[in-house]
């Protein structure tokens, strides 16, 4: 994520950035040491999307500090 935004990893960490998804479960997180977007838990497509042909899981990155 830091690389995609053109930021140093320390700037991403210092800004209090985190990833959120809709609902109670948080499926993604930012890896503290690398800044990579990673899955925070196992994602069960059948449970999440049931009978839908296309399964999309949206997330947002929230930045608390200045960038």
Protein backbone atom coordinates (compact mmCIF):
# COMPACT_ATOMS: atom_id res chain seq x y z
CA UNK A 1 0.00 0.00 0.00
CA UNK A 2 2.83 2.40 0.86
CA UNK A 3 4.47 1.71 -2.51
CA UNK A 4 1.18 2.22 -4.40
CA UNK A 5 0.67 5.57 -2.64
CA UNK A 6 4.26 6.62 -3.23
CA UNK A 7 4.98 6.84 0.51
CA UNK A 8 7.69 5.58 2.79
CA UNK A 9 6.51 2.79 5.08
CA UNK A 10 7.22 4.93 8.14
CA UNK A 11 4.90 7.67 6.81
CA UNK A 12 2.10 5.14 6.39
CA UNK A 13 2.66 3.82 9.93
CA UNK A 14 2.86 7.29 11.48
CA UNK A 15 -0.40 8.39 9.84
CA UNK A 16 -2.42 5.74 11.69
CA UNK A 17 -3.60 4.12 8.45
CA UNK A 18 -5.82 1.04 8.69
CA UNK A 19 -8.14 -0.93 6.44
CA UNK A 20 -11.87 -1.39 7.13
CA UNK A 21 -14.61 -3.42 5.50
CA UNK A 22 -18.37 -3.17 5.88
CA UNK A 23 -19.94 -5.17 8.66
CA UNK A 24 -18.55 -6.66 11.83
CA UNK A 25 -15.75 -8.72 10.30
CA UNK A 26 -12.54 -7.10 9.19
CA UNK A 27 -11.18 -9.25 6.37
CA UNK A 28 -8.07 -7.19 5.59
CA UNK A 29 -5.28 -5.46 7.47
CA UNK A 30 -1.99 -3.74 6.78
CA UNK A 31 1.08 -5.79 7.60
CA UNK A 32 2.99 -3.72 10.16
CA UNK A 33 6.51 -4.41 8.90
CA UNK A 34 5.94 -4.48 5.13
CA UNK A 35 2.90 -2.27 4.51
CA UNK A 36 1.31 -5.03 2.42
CA UNK A 37 -2.44 -5.49 2.32
CA UNK A 38 -3.08 -8.95 3.80
CA UNK A 39 -6.10 -11.03 4.73
CA UNK A 40 -6.79 -10.78 8.44
CA UNK A 41 -8.76 -14.02 8.52
CA UNK A 42 -9.90 -16.82 6.25
CA UNK A 43 -12.48 -15.67 3.68
CA UNK A 44 -15.25 -18.16 2.90
CA UNK A 45 -16.69 -17.21 -0.50
CA UNK A 46 -19.72 -19.49 -0.18
CA UNK A 47 -20.67 -17.97 3.16
CA UNK A 48 -19.97 -14.42 2.09
CA UNK A 49 -21.68 -14.37 -1.33
CA UNK A 50 -23.88 -17.46 -1.18
CA UNK A 51 -25.33 -17.93 -4.69
CA UNK A 52 -23.98 -14.79 -6.39
CA UNK A 53 -21.92 -15.43 -9.54
CA UNK A 54 -19.68 -12.45 -8.86
CA UNK A 55 -18.26 -11.98 -5.38
CA UNK A 56 -16.83 -8.57 -4.50
CA UNK A 57 -15.51 -7.60 -1.10
CA UNK A 58 -14.89 -3.88 -0.78
CA UNK A 59 -12.58 -2.25 1.71
CA UNK A 60 -11.42 1.26 2.49
CA UNK A 61 -8.19 2.61 3.86
CA UNK A 62 -8.62 5.16 6.65
CA UNK A 63 -5.81 7.59 7.43
CA UNK A 64 -6.07 9.34 10.79
CA UNK A 65 -3.11 11.74 10.50
CA UNK A 66 -1.77 14.04 7.83
CA UNK A 67 -0.08 12.62 4.75
